[in-house]
Amino acid sequence: MLKGIVLKMRSNLLMNSFWGVLANLTQNIFFSIFFVLIARNYNEIDFSSYILANTVYGLVLAFSSLGLGQWFVRALIDKEDKEALIYQFFKLQCIIGIFFYGINIALAFILYKDPLIRQLCVIIGLNIIFDNIIYVIKHINIAQLDQKTTFLIQTIESLFKFMLGCVIVIFPISMILLVLIIILLRFLTLNIFLHIGTNYPLKLSNFISAKIDFNTFKTIVIKNWPFIVIGSISVLFWKMGNILISNFLNLSAVAHYEISFKLFSIAEVIPVIVSASIFPVLMKKLKEDKNEAMLYYKKIFLGYTLYGCLTFSFIYSFSDQIIPLLFGTKYILTVNFCKEMFLTMLVFPTAILQANLMIALHLEKVDMLLNIFSLILNLCISLLGLYFIKSITVINISILISFTIFHILQDYVLIKKRFISLKSTILFYVFIGVSMSIFYVGSKVWLPFLLFLFFWIILLSAVYYYFFYYLKKNEPVSAI
């Protein structure tokens, strides 16, 4: 019987992972097309205003749930009176959502004087309340290992947005009307979640009668504050660029930055999704055999390194054609800024992997401190640089520097803990520096397509020989 339960849990986990990956990819495709259609069909001022309103909303949203999802899942599994807990959490998230919606409006009026941006912030900010309610349903499904419904509804929502994007191509509408329709679609999604999003029957009378103990709420928030920090730093790190650009530069610069980040976020999806699958495997291997775990880690690290180099070289080679094709010739200046941002992709995937390793080694507090330091460093470099040089390049270089130092600090911690070696760390930076320098020099004399093709044929052949032949014969299994 126990064996059957374990097999069922494994099956559920695999199916959840499958639906998660499939839904994530599908949603990214639909949302990206919607983003492209907005960029092409609205002028730079309207498009930038839309981006800034979403930036404010995204920043506030990072804090609005208070990171209580993991607490709720644990409590829902352990508590006998599950229905009472669910309605308490619903009411709590609604109250918190309304409070943070007020913060969203206040922040919009503090940061921006433009009437259009303020209006868009007021409308788009309503999503915070909707998101907090949906947040509860998502975590009910997580506790039940029944996320298929969540993923399906989110995919339907992304399809709605895609269809809206197609409509505005045929029937142009104002930006205000567009975001009002987006909110209506979001409200429709909320109702779908409430009616079919979970197996628990949801009743308005139970929601109204639910009681919240303030002292209990305060205790829960205090215990879970690290989740708030960890969950918000990533959002702050990237969204901060838009806010700084909008205050130091012009609205057109916001559009250039956001388009670059949109392409970057598409590229980062693969290592983020893969990391979610790697993490439990890595933890299991660390418990069973450290040497085997380190060899497994080394293989994944090499794959992440190659992926970072691949995405950068691809954007460097083809962004001159891709960006004008997708977004129109009015964003031709975005090309160089996009290439600058993708320099960070050289260290981004392996930084994610090293963060996973640190958490697997129960070094999550150290990882949190490194993230905070990286955020502060990024802010300081950006402010100092923008004071002297009014350019998006300052933001991109600031991100690159802070991420690289973050990576180096991760290296230091892991070397000190004897989980990686100084030799392998130096080889990583030498490999990236030499290979990408060769690629850059080659780009000056070769056609982009031919250079990209032959460079990667030669590089992958060399890596395959080194890793699968030379390394196995000359290096012990335990080496990192």
Foldseek 3Di string as FASTA:
>chain_A
DVVVVVVVVVVLVVVLLVLVLVLVVLLLVLVVLLLLLVLQLDDLQLNLLLVLLVLLLLLLLLPLLLLCLVVLLVCCLPDPPNVLSLLQQLLVSLVSLVVSLVVQLVVQVVQDDDPSSSLSNNLLSNVSNLVSNLSSLCSLCVSVSNCNLVSVLSSVLSVVSSVLSVVCVVPPDHSSVSSNVNSVSSVVSSVCCQPPVDPDNDDPVSNVPRDDDVVVVVVSSVVSNLSSLVSNLVSCLQSVLLSLLVVLHNSSQSVLSVVLVSLVVVLVPVLVSVLVVVLVVLLVCVVVPLLVSLLVLVVVLVVQQVSLLLVLLVLLQPVCPPCCVRNNPVNNVSSVVSSLLSVLSNQVSNLSSLQSVCVSVVNVVVLSVLSVVLSVQLVVQLVVVSVPDSHSSSNSVSNNVSSVVSSVVSVVVCVVVVSAHPVVVVVSVVVSVVLVVVLVVVVVPDRSVVSSVVSVVVVVVVVCCCPVPVCVVPDDSRHD
